[in-house]
Amino acid sequence: METSNQTPATSGQWCLVTVRQWKREAFLKYLENDIEGKKLHEIFLEVVEPEDAVYENMLLLRISNYPEARGHLKQVENFQDIQRLKPNEASRMLGKQ
């Protein structure tokens, strides 16, 4: 169940973000611009695009603060939903890359 040398408890929480169909790349660009422009690196620790086709409208985000992250994500175009993942769920999804 090892994903890296960091554990979710000490390095933020993994969440699954759902975006509008066929809009993942656009959403990712908007999110990256917001993270850079608004200096949100302390909230959004890591962004991963799952390669498995099942996840084509989803992103994995490792965040430090769920309420703040959710608030920012709601303002990003094409955002639909965010849900917290258990450590084993995140590990399984990261392992499929």
PDB file of N, CA and C in Angstrom:
ATOM      1  N   MET A   1       0.823  -1.202   0.000  1.00  0.00           N
ATOM      2  CA  MET A   1       0.000   0.000   0.000  1.00  0.00           C
ATOM      3  C   MET A   1       0.859   1.256   0.000  1.00  0.00           C
ATOM      4  N   GLU A   2       2.080   1.153  -0.424  1.00  0.00           N
ATOM      5  CA  GLU A   2       2.996   2.270  -0.437  1.00  0.00           C
ATOM      6  C   GLU A   2       2.831   3.088  -1.714  1.00  0.00           C
ATOM      7  N   THR A   3       2.630   4.396  -1.589  1.00  0.00           N
ATOM      8  CA  THR A   3       2.551   5.240  -2.775  1.00  0.00           C
ATOM      9  C   THR A   3       3.821   6.055  -2.930  1.00  0.00           C
ATOM     10  N   SER A   4       4.390   6.461  -1.827  1.00  0.00           N
ATOM     11  CA  SER A   4       5.633   7.225  -1.840  1.00  0.00           C
ATOM     12  C   SER A   4       6.193   7.205  -0.434  1.00  0.00           C
ATOM     13  N   ASN A   5       7.207   8.018  -0.184  1.00  0.00           N
ATOM     14  CA  ASN A   5       7.766   8.059   1.148  1.00  0.00           C
ATOM     15  C   ASN A   5       6.968   8.961   2.080  1.00  0.00           C
ATOM     16  N   GLN A   6       5.887   9.531   1.602  1.00  0.00           N
ATOM     17  CA  GLN A   6       5.027  10.366   2.427  1.00  0.00           C
ATOM     18  C   GLN A   6       3.703   9.655   2.657  1.00  0.00           C
ATOM     19  N   THR A   7       3.138   9.854   3.838  1.00  0.00           N
ATOM     20  CA  THR A   7       1.827   9.277   4.116  1.00  0.00           C
ATOM     21  C   THR A   7       0.786  10.360   4.027  1.00  0.00           C
ATOM     22  N   PRO A   8      -0.445  10.026   3.612  1.00  0.00           N
ATOM     23  CA  PRO A   8      -1.477  11.048   3.474  1.00  0.00           C
ATOM     24  C   PRO A   8      -1.748  11.818   4.769  1.00  0.00           C
ATOM     25  N   ALA A   9      -1.595  11.184   5.911  1.00  0.00           N
ATOM     26  CA  ALA A   9      -1.878  11.847   7.182  1.00  0.00           C
ATOM     27  C   ALA A   9      -0.913  13.006   7.428  1.00  0.00           C
ATOM     28  N   THR A  10       0.331  12.884   6.986  1.00  0.00           N
ATOM     29  CA  THR A  10       1.311  13.921   7.255  1.00  0.00           C
ATOM     30  C   THR A  10       1.558  14.832   6.066  1.00  0.00           C
ATOM     31  N   SER A  11       1.056  14.499   4.909  1.00  0.00           N
ATOM     32  CA  SER A  11       1.388  15.293   3.725  1.00  0.00           C
ATOM     33  C   SER A  11       0.162  15.758   2.954  1.00  0.00           C
ATOM     34  N   GLY A  12      -0.953  15.892   3.612  1.00  0.00           N
ATOM     35  CA  GLY A  12      -2.154  16.334   2.932  1.00  0.00           C
ATOM     36  C   GLY A  12      -3.088  15.178   2.640  1.00  0.00           C
ATOM     37  N   GLN A  13      -4.235  15.506   2.108  1.00  0.00           N
ATOM     38  CA  GLN A  13      -5.252  14.505   1.812  1.00  0.00           C
ATOM     39  C   GLN A  13      -5.496  14.439   0.318  1.00  0.00           C
ATOM     40  N   TRP A  14      -5.631  13.219  -0.191  1.00  0.00           N
ATOM     41  CA  TRP A  14      -5.955  13.024  -1.603  1.00  0.00           C
ATOM     42  C   TRP A  14      -7.452  13.154  -1.812  1.00  0.00           C
ATOM     43  N   CYS A  15      -7.819  13.847  -2.872  1.00  0.00           N
ATOM     44  CA  CYS A  15      -9.220  14.015  -3.246  1.00  0.00           C
ATOM     45  C   CYS A  15      -9.378  13.734  -4.734  1.00  0.00           C
ATOM     46  N   LEU A  16     -10.568  13.302  -5.082  1.00  0.00           N
ATOM     47  CA  LEU A  16     -10.910  13.048  -6.477  1.00  0.00           C
ATOM     48  C   LEU A  16     -11.787  14.200  -6.961  1.00  0.00           C
ATOM     49  N   VAL A  17     -11.349  14.862  -8.007  1.00  0.00           N
ATOM     50  CA  VAL A  17     -12.084  15.997  -8.568  1.00  0.00           C
ATOM     51  C   VAL A  17     -12.685  15.570  -9.897  1.00  0.00           C
ATOM     52  N   THR A  18     -13.982  15.804 -10.046  1.00  0.00           N
ATOM     53  CA  THR A  18     -14.691  15.497 -11.286  1.00  0.00           C
ATOM     54  C   THR A  18     -14.912  16.803 -12.042  1.00  0.00           C
ATOM     55  N   VAL A  19     -14.658  16.762 -13.349  1.00  0.00           N
ATOM     56  CA  VAL A  19     -14.846  17.944 -14.195  1.00  0.00           C
ATOM     57  C   VAL A  19     -15.827  17.599 -15.316  1.00  0.00           C
ATOM     58  N   ARG A  20     -16.284  18.625 -16.014  1.00  0.00           N
ATOM     59  CA  ARG A  20     -17.207  18.386 -17.135  1.00  0.00           C
ATOM     60  C   ARG A  20     -16.551  17.496 -18.183  1.00  0.00           C
ATOM     61  N   GLN A  21     -17.387  16.697 -18.832  1.00  0.00           N
ATOM     62  CA  GLN A  21     -16.894  15.760 -19.834  1.00  0.00           C
ATOM     63  C   GLN A  21     -16.089  16.478 -20.907  1.00  0.00           C
ATOM     64  N   TRP A  22     -14.944  15.904 -21.249  1.00  0.00           N
ATOM     65  CA  TRP A  22     -14.020  16.398 -22.272  1.00  0.00           C
ATOM     66  C   TRP A  22     -13.339  17.718 -21.899  1.00  0.00           C
ATOM     67  N   LYS A  23     -13.429  18.134 -20.648  1.00  0.00           N
ATOM     68  CA  LYS A  23     -12.879  19.441 -20.261  1.00  0.00           C
ATOM     69  C   LYS A  23     -11.738  19.342 -19.249  1.00  0.00           C
ATOM     70  N   ARG A  24     -11.155  18.148 -19.069  1.00  0.00           N
ATOM     71  CA  ARG A  24     -10.114  17.995 -18.058  1.00  0.00           C
ATOM     72  C   ARG A  24      -8.897  18.873 -18.359  1.00  0.00           C
ATOM     73  N   GLU A  25      -8.450  18.900 -19.610  1.00  0.00           N
ATOM     74  CA  GLU A  25      -7.267  19.693 -19.956  1.00  0.00           C
ATOM     75  C   GLU A  25      -7.513  21.192 -19.729  1.00  0.00           C
ATOM     76  N   ALA A  26      -8.687  21.662 -20.109  1.00  0.00           N
ATOM     77  CA  ALA A  26      -9.025  23.073 -19.897  1.00  0.00           C
ATOM     78  C   ALA A  26      -9.085  23.391 -18.400  1.00  0.00           C
ATOM     79  N   PHE A  27      -9.743  22.513 -17.635  1.00  0.00           N
ATOM     80  CA  PHE A  27      -9.827  22.705 -16.192  1.00  0.00           C
ATOM     81  C   PHE A  27      -8.430  22.750 -15.581  1.00  0.00           C
ATOM     82  N   LEU A  28      -7.584  21.829 -15.997  1.00  0.00           N
ATOM     83  CA  LEU A  28      -6.226  21.752 -15.463  1.00  0.00           C
ATOM     84  C   LEU A  28      -5.454  23.043 -15.734  1.00  0.00           C
ATOM     85  N   LYS A  29      -5.621  23.606 -16.930  1.00  0.00           N
ATOM     86  CA  LYS A  29      -4.956  24.865 -17.271  1.00  0.00           C
ATOM     87  C   LYS A  29      -5.454  26.001 -16.370  1.00  0.00           C
ATOM     88  N   TYR A  30      -6.778  26.087 -16.193  1.00  0.00           N
ATOM     89  CA  TYR A  30      -7.344  27.129 -15.329  1.00  0.00           C
ATOM     90  C   TYR A  30      -6.857  26.956 -13.888  1.00  0.00           C
ATOM     91  N   LEU A  31      -6.834  25.716 -13.418  1.00  0.00           N
ATOM     92  CA  LEU A  31      -6.404  25.453 -12.049  1.00  0.00           C
ATOM     93  C   LEU A  31      -4.935  25.823 -11.858  1.00  0.00           C
ATOM     94  N   GLU A  32      -4.093  25.429 -12.789  1.00  0.00           N
ATOM     95  CA  GLU A  32      -2.664  25.754 -12.695  1.00  0.00           C
ATOM     96  C   GLU A  32      -2.444  27.263 -12.713  1.00  0.00           C
ATOM     97  N   ASN A  33      -3.202  27.988 -13.535  1.00  0.00           N
ATOM     98  CA  ASN A  33      -3.103  29.450 -13.565  1.00  0.00           C
ATOM     99  C   ASN A  33      -3.511  30.051 -12.222  1.00  0.00           C
ATOM    100  N   ASP A  34      -4.582  29.528 -11.616  1.00  0.00           N
ATOM    101  CA  ASP A  34      -5.028  30.012 -10.309  1.00  0.00           C
ATOM    102  C   ASP A  34      -3.995  29.725  -9.231  1.00  0.00           C
ATOM    103  N   ILE A  35      -3.436  28.520  -9.247  1.00  0.00           N
ATOM    104  CA  ILE A  35      -2.441  28.151  -8.236  1.00  0.00           C
ATOM    105  C   ILE A  35      -1.239  29.094  -8.337  1.00  0.00           C
ATOM    106  N   GLU A  36      -0.776  29.359  -9.544  1.00  0.00           N
ATOM    107  CA  GLU A  36       0.363  30.265  -9.740  1.00  0.00           C
ATOM    108  C   GLU A  36      -0.007  31.709  -9.407  1.00  0.00           C
ATOM    109  N   GLY A  37      -1.104  32.177  -9.974  1.00  0.00           N
ATOM    110  CA  GLY A  37      -1.497  33.575  -9.827  1.00  0.00           C
ATOM    111  C   GLY A  37      -1.906  33.968  -8.420  1.00  0.00           C
ATOM    112  N   LYS A  38      -2.566  33.074  -7.729  1.00  0.00           N
ATOM    113  CA  LYS A  38      -3.073  33.383  -6.383  1.00  0.00           C
ATOM    114  C   LYS A  38      -2.203  32.788  -5.280  1.00  0.00           C
ATOM    115  N   LYS A  39      -1.056  32.209  -5.673  1.00  0.00           N
ATOM    116  CA  LYS A  39      -0.102  31.637  -4.704  1.00  0.00           C
ATOM    117  C   LYS A  39      -0.774  30.610  -3.799  1.00  0.00           C
ATOM    118  N   LEU A  40      -1.391  29.607  -4.410  1.00  0.00           N
ATOM    119  CA  LEU A  40      -2.149  28.596  -3.664  1.00  0.00           C
ATOM    120  C   LEU A  40      -1.367  27.288  -3.470  1.00  0.00           C
ATOM    121  N   HIS A  41      -0.047  27.338  -3.577  1.00  0.00           N
ATOM    122  CA  HIS A  41       0.773  26.130  -3.469  1.00  0.00           C
ATOM    123  C   HIS A  41       0.652  25.453  -2.102  1.00  0.00           C
ATOM    124  N   GLU A  42       0.322  26.212  -1.060  1.00  0.00           N
ATOM    125  CA  GLU A  42       0.192  25.615   0.276  1.00  0.00           C
ATOM    126  C   GLU A  42      -1.113  24.833   0.419  1.00  0.00           C
ATOM    127  N   ILE A  43      -2.092  25.120  -0.408  1.00  0.00           N
ATOM    128  CA  ILE A  43      -3.379  24.403  -0.368  1.00  0.00           C
ATOM    129  C   ILE A  43      -3.353  23.235  -1.339  1.00  0.00           C
ATOM    130  N   PHE A  44      -2.938  23.492  -2.566  1.00  0.00           N
ATOM    131  CA  PHE A  44      -2.884  22.456  -3.608  1.00  0.00           C
ATOM    132  C   PHE A  44      -1.453  21.935  -3.689  1.00  0.00           C
ATOM    133  N   LEU A  45      -1.207  20.802  -3.052  1.00  0.00           N
ATOM    134  CA  LEU A  45       0.141  20.265  -2.927  1.00  0.00           C
ATOM    135  C   LEU A  45       0.594  19.485  -4.150  1.00  0.00           C
ATOM    136  N   GLU A  46      -0.354  18.801  -4.801  1.00  0.00           N
ATOM    137  CA  GLU A  46      -0.005  17.981  -5.963  1.00  0.00           C
ATOM    138  C   GLU A  46      -1.244  17.761  -6.827  1.00  0.00           C
ATOM    139  N   VAL A  47      -1.044  17.752  -8.130  1.00  0.00           N
ATOM    140  CA  VAL A  47      -2.117  17.495  -9.095  1.00  0.00           C
ATOM    141  C   VAL A  47      -1.673  16.337  -9.979  1.00  0.00           C
ATOM    142  N   VAL A  48      -2.513  15.298 -10.064  1.00  0.00           N
ATOM    143  CA  VAL A  48      -2.171  14.119 -10.857  1.00  0.00           C
ATOM    144  C   VAL A  48      -3.312  13.821 -11.825  1.00  0.00           C
ATOM    145  N   GLU A  49      -2.956  13.595 -13.089  1.00  0.00           N
ATOM    146  CA  GLU A  49      -3.938  13.170 -14.091  1.00  0.00           C
ATOM    147  C   GLU A  49      -3.871  11.658 -14.220  1.00  0.00           C
ATOM    148  N   PRO A  50      -4.877  10.939 -13.738  1.00  0.00           N
ATOM    149  CA  PRO A  50      -4.868   9.479 -13.916  1.00  0.00           C
ATOM    150  C   PRO A  50      -4.897   9.144 -15.407  1.00  0.00           C
ATOM    151  N   GLU A  51      -4.093   8.175 -15.798  1.00  0.00           N
ATOM    152  CA  GLU A  51      -4.010   7.824 -17.217  1.00  0.00           C
ATOM    153  C   GLU A  51      -5.053   6.808 -17.642  1.00  0.00           C
ATOM    154  N   ASP A  52      -5.604   6.063 -16.708  1.00  0.00           N
ATOM    155  CA  ASP A  52      -6.609   5.060 -17.028  1.00  0.00           C
ATOM    156  C   ASP A  52      -7.832   5.761 -17.635  1.00  0.00           C
ATOM    157  N   ALA A  53      -8.348   5.240 -18.727  1.00  0.00           N
ATOM    158  CA  ALA A  53      -9.484   5.848 -19.436  1.00  0.00           C
ATOM    159  C   ALA A  53     -10.727   5.996 -18.567  1.00  0.00           C
ATOM    160  N   VAL A  54     -10.853   5.164 -17.563  1.00  0.00           N
ATOM    161  CA  VAL A  54     -12.003   5.243 -16.648  1.00  0.00           C
ATOM    162  C   VAL A  54     -12.053   6.610 -15.956  1.00  0.00           C
ATOM    163  N   TYR A  55     -10.893   7.223 -15.789  1.00  0.00           N
ATOM    164  CA  TYR A  55     -10.794   8.488 -15.055  1.00  0.00           C
ATOM    165  C   TYR A  55     -10.628   9.699 -15.976  1.00  0.00           C
ATOM    166  N   GLU A  56     -11.098   9.610 -17.221  1.00  0.00           N
ATOM    167  CA  GLU A  56     -10.836  10.680 -18.178  1.00  0.00           C
ATOM    168  C   GLU A  56     -11.421  12.035 -17.794  1.00  0.00           C
ATOM    169  N   ASN A  57     -12.413  12.073 -16.940  1.00  0.00           N
ATOM    170  CA  ASN A  57     -13.012  13.344 -16.503  1.00  0.00           C
ATOM    171  C   ASN A  57     -12.696  13.633 -15.042  1.00  0.00           C
ATOM    172  N   MET A  58     -11.570  13.097 -14.562  1.00  0.00           N
ATOM    173  CA  MET A  58     -11.216  13.243 -13.156  1.00  0.00           C
ATOM    174  C   MET A  58      -9.744  13.593 -12.989  1.00  0.00           C
ATOM    175  N   LEU A  59      -9.452  14.203 -11.846  1.00  0.00           N
ATOM    176  CA  LEU A  59      -8.089  14.508 -11.433  1.00  0.00           C
ATOM    177  C   LEU A  59      -7.925  14.092  -9.983  1.00  0.00           C
ATOM    178  N   LEU A  60      -6.727  13.735  -9.618  1.00  0.00           N
ATOM    179  CA  LEU A  60      -6.399  13.505  -8.217  1.00  0.00           C
ATOM    180  C   LEU A  60      -5.662  14.731  -7.712  1.00  0.00           C
ATOM    181  N   LEU A  61      -6.106  15.252  -6.585  1.00  0.00           N
ATOM    182  CA  LEU A  61      -5.442  16.401  -5.973  1.00  0.00           C
ATOM    183  C   LEU A  61      -5.038  16.030  -4.560  1.00  0.00           C
ATOM    184  N   ARG A  62      -3.825  16.407  -4.193  1.00  0.00           N
ATOM    185  CA  ARG A  62      -3.401  16.279  -2.795  1.00  0.00           C
ATOM    186  C   ARG A  62      -3.465  17.681  -2.219  1.00  0.00           C
ATOM    187  N   ILE A  63      -4.296  17.846  -1.207  1.00  0.00           N
ATOM    188  CA  ILE A  63      -4.567  19.172  -0.657  1.00  0.00           C
ATOM    189  C   ILE A  63      -4.262  19.211   0.839  1.00  0.00           C
ATOM    190  N   SER A  64      -4.053  20.408   1.341  1.00  0.00           N
ATOM    191  CA  SER A  64      -3.765  20.573   2.766  1.00  0.00           C
ATOM    192  C   SER A  64      -5.006  20.980   3.557  1.00  0.00           C
ATOM    193  N   ASN A  65      -5.988  21.580   2.889  1.00  0.00           N
ATOM    194  CA  ASN A  65      -7.160  22.099   3.588  1.00  0.00           C
ATOM    195  C   ASN A  65      -8.390  21.913   2.691  1.00  0.00           C
ATOM    196  N   TYR A  66      -9.248  20.966   3.056  1.00  0.00           N
ATOM    197  CA  TYR A  66     -10.402  20.626   2.214  1.00  0.00           C
ATOM    198  C   TYR A  66     -11.365  21.804   1.996  1.00  0.00           C
ATOM    199  N   PRO A  67     -11.814  22.491   3.062  1.00  0.00           N
ATOM    200  CA  PRO A  67     -12.773  23.593   2.833  1.00  0.00           C
ATOM    201  C   PRO A  67     -12.202  24.707   1.945  1.00  0.00           C
ATOM    202  N   GLU A  68     -10.944  25.068   2.149  1.00  0.00           N
ATOM    203  CA  GLU A  68     -10.346  26.116   1.314  1.00  0.00           C
ATOM    204  C   GLU A  68     -10.198  25.648  -0.125  1.00  0.00           C
ATOM    205  N   ALA A  69      -9.747  24.416  -0.301  1.00  0.00           N
ATOM    206  CA  ALA A  69      -9.576  23.876  -1.654  1.00  0.00           C
ATOM    207  C   ALA A  69     -10.914  23.833  -2.374  1.00  0.00           C
ATOM    208  N   ARG A  70     -11.944  23.359  -1.687  1.00  0.00           N
ATOM    209  CA  ARG A  70     -13.278  23.277  -2.291  1.00  0.00           C
ATOM    210  C   ARG A  70     -13.762  24.653  -2.725  1.00  0.00           C
ATOM    211  N   GLY A  71     -13.550  25.653  -1.880  1.00  0.00           N
ATOM    212  CA  GLY A  71     -13.954  27.018  -2.210  1.00  0.00           C
ATOM    213  C   GLY A  71     -13.272  27.537  -3.460  1.00  0.00           C
ATOM    214  N   HIS A  72     -11.980  27.292  -3.575  1.00  0.00           N
ATOM    215  CA  HIS A  72     -11.246  27.725  -4.766  1.00  0.00           C
ATOM    216  C   HIS A  72     -11.683  26.938  -5.995  1.00  0.00           C
ATOM    217  N   LEU A  73     -11.861  25.630  -5.847  1.00  0.00           N
ATOM    218  CA  LEU A  73     -12.225  24.795  -6.995  1.00  0.00           C
ATOM    219  C   LEU A  73     -13.593  25.172  -7.566  1.00  0.00           C
ATOM    220  N   LYS A  74     -14.523  25.563  -6.697  1.00  0.00           N
ATOM    221  CA  LYS A  74     -15.865  25.952  -7.158  1.00  0.00           C
ATOM    222  C   LYS A  74     -15.808  27.141  -8.118  1.00  0.00           C
ATOM    223  N   GLN A  75     -14.745  27.927  -8.027  1.00  0.00           N
ATOM    224  CA  GLN A  75     -14.607  29.106  -8.873  1.00  0.00           C
ATOM    225  C   GLN A  75     -13.902  28.805 -10.200  1.00  0.00           C
ATOM    226  N   VAL A  76     -13.363  27.583 -10.333  1.00  0.00           N
ATOM    227  CA  VAL A  76     -12.633  27.223 -11.552  1.00  0.00           C
ATOM    228  C   VAL A  76     -13.623  26.672 -12.585  1.00  0.00           C
ATOM    229  N   GLU A  77     -13.549  27.204 -13.794  1.00  0.00           N
ATOM    230  CA  GLU A  77     -14.456  26.779 -14.862  1.00  0.00           C
ATOM    231  C   GLU A  77     -14.330  25.275 -15.124  1.00  0.00           C
ATOM    232  N   ASN A  78     -15.461  24.622 -15.341  1.00  0.00           N
ATOM    233  CA  ASN A  78     -15.599  23.193 -15.642  1.00  0.00           C
ATOM    234  C   ASN A  78     -15.539  22.283 -14.413  1.00  0.00           C
ATOM    235  N   PHE A  79     -15.394  22.836 -13.215  1.00  0.00           N
ATOM    236  CA  PHE A  79     -15.411  22.034 -11.991  1.00  0.00           C
ATOM    237  C   PHE A  79     -16.815  21.489 -11.751  1.00  0.00           C
ATOM    238  N   GLN A  80     -16.898  20.205 -11.317  1.00  0.00           N
ATOM    239  CA  GLN A  80     -18.195  19.634 -10.965  1.00  0.00           C
ATOM    240  C   GLN A  80     -18.268  19.215  -9.505  1.00  0.00           C
ATOM    241  N   ASP A  81     -17.276  18.434  -9.024  1.00  0.00           N
ATOM    242  CA  ASP A  81     -17.379  17.913  -7.665  1.00  0.00           C
ATOM    243  C   ASP A  81     -15.994  17.533  -7.134  1.00  0.00           C
ATOM    244  N   ILE A  82     -15.895  17.455  -5.812  1.00  0.00           N
ATOM    245  CA  ILE A  82     -14.688  16.979  -5.152  1.00  0.00           C
ATOM    246  C   ILE A  82     -15.110  16.027  -4.044  1.00  0.00           C
ATOM    247  N   GLN A  83     -14.380  14.933  -3.903  1.00  0.00           N
ATOM    248  CA  GLN A  83     -14.654  14.003  -2.805  1.00  0.00           C
ATOM    249  C   GLN A  83     -13.348  13.521  -2.209  1.00  0.00           C
ATOM    250  N   ARG A  84     -13.357  13.369  -0.892  1.00  0.00           N
ATOM    251  CA  ARG A  84     -12.170  12.882  -0.190  1.00  0.00           C
ATOM    252  C   ARG A  84     -11.972  11.402  -0.496  1.00  0.00           C
ATOM    253  N   LEU A  85     -10.719  10.999  -0.572  1.00  0.00           N
ATOM    254  CA  LEU A  85     -10.390   9.591  -0.800  1.00  0.00           C
ATOM    255  C   LEU A  85      -9.718   9.019   0.437  1.00  0.00           C
ATOM    256  N   LYS A  86      -9.998   7.761   0.710  1.00  0.00           N
ATOM    257  CA  LYS A  86      -9.283   7.046   1.759  1.00  0.00           C
ATOM    258  C   LYS A  86      -7.884   6.757   1.235  1.00  0.00           C
ATOM    259  N   PRO A  87      -6.900   6.622   2.124  1.00  0.00           N
ATOM    260  CA  PRO A  87      -5.523   6.369   1.671  1.00  0.00           C
ATOM    261  C   PRO A  87      -5.399   5.171   0.737  1.00  0.00           C
ATOM    262  N   ASN A  88      -6.140   4.094   1.000  1.00  0.00           N
ATOM    263  CA  ASN A  88      -6.035   2.920   0.124  1.00  0.00           C
ATOM    264  C   ASN A  88      -6.646   3.185  -1.257  1.00  0.00           C
ATOM    265  N   GLU A  89      -7.685   4.020  -1.332  1.00  0.00           N
ATOM    266  CA  GLU A  89      -8.276   4.374  -2.635  1.00  0.00           C
ATOM    267  C   GLU A  89      -7.298   5.200  -3.461  1.00  0.00           C
ATOM    268  N   ALA A  90      -6.673   6.170  -2.810  1.00  0.00           N
ATOM    269  CA  ALA A  90      -5.686   7.003  -3.513  1.00  0.00           C
ATOM    270  C   ALA A  90      -4.518   6.159  -3.988  1.00  0.00           C
ATOM    271  N   SER A  91      -4.046   5.270  -3.139  1.00  0.00           N
ATOM    272  CA  SER A  91      -2.918   4.400  -3.510  1.00  0.00           C
ATOM    273  C   SER A  91      -3.270   3.547  -4.715  1.00  0.00           C
ATOM    274  N   ARG A  92      -4.481   3.012  -4.736  1.00  0.00           N
ATOM    275  CA  ARG A  92      -4.914   2.161  -5.848  1.00  0.00           C
ATOM    276  C   ARG A  92      -4.969   2.970  -7.140  1.00  0.00           C
ATOM    277  N   MET A  93      -5.513   4.177  -7.077  1.00  0.00           N
ATOM    278  CA  MET A  93      -5.615   5.010  -8.278  1.00  0.00           C
ATOM    279  C   MET A  93      -4.243   5.473  -8.749  1.00  0.00           C
ATOM    280  N   LEU A  94      -3.370   5.795  -7.844  1.00  0.00           N
ATOM    281  CA  LEU A  94      -2.029   6.233  -8.215  1.00  0.00           C
ATOM    282  C   LEU A  94      -1.220   5.075  -8.791  1.00  0.00           C
ATOM    283  N   GLY A  95      -1.512   3.870  -8.321  1.00  0.00           N
ATOM    284  CA  GLY A  95      -0.792   2.697  -8.794  1.00  0.00           C
ATOM    285  C   GLY A  95      -1.176   2.290 -10.203  1.00  0.00           C
ATOM    286  N   LYS A  96      -2.324   2.782 -10.696  1.00  0.00           N
ATOM    287  CA  LYS A  96      -2.792   2.429 -12.046  1.00  0.00           C
ATOM    288  C   LYS A  96      -2.157   3.281 -13.113  1.00  0.00           C
ATOM    289  N   GLN A  97      -1.363   4.244 -12.737  1.00  0.00           N
ATOM    290  CA  GLN A  97      -0.764   5.130 -13.737  1.00  0.00           C
ATOM    291  C   GLN A  97       0.324   4.433 -14.495  1.00  0.00           C
TER     292      GLN A  97
END
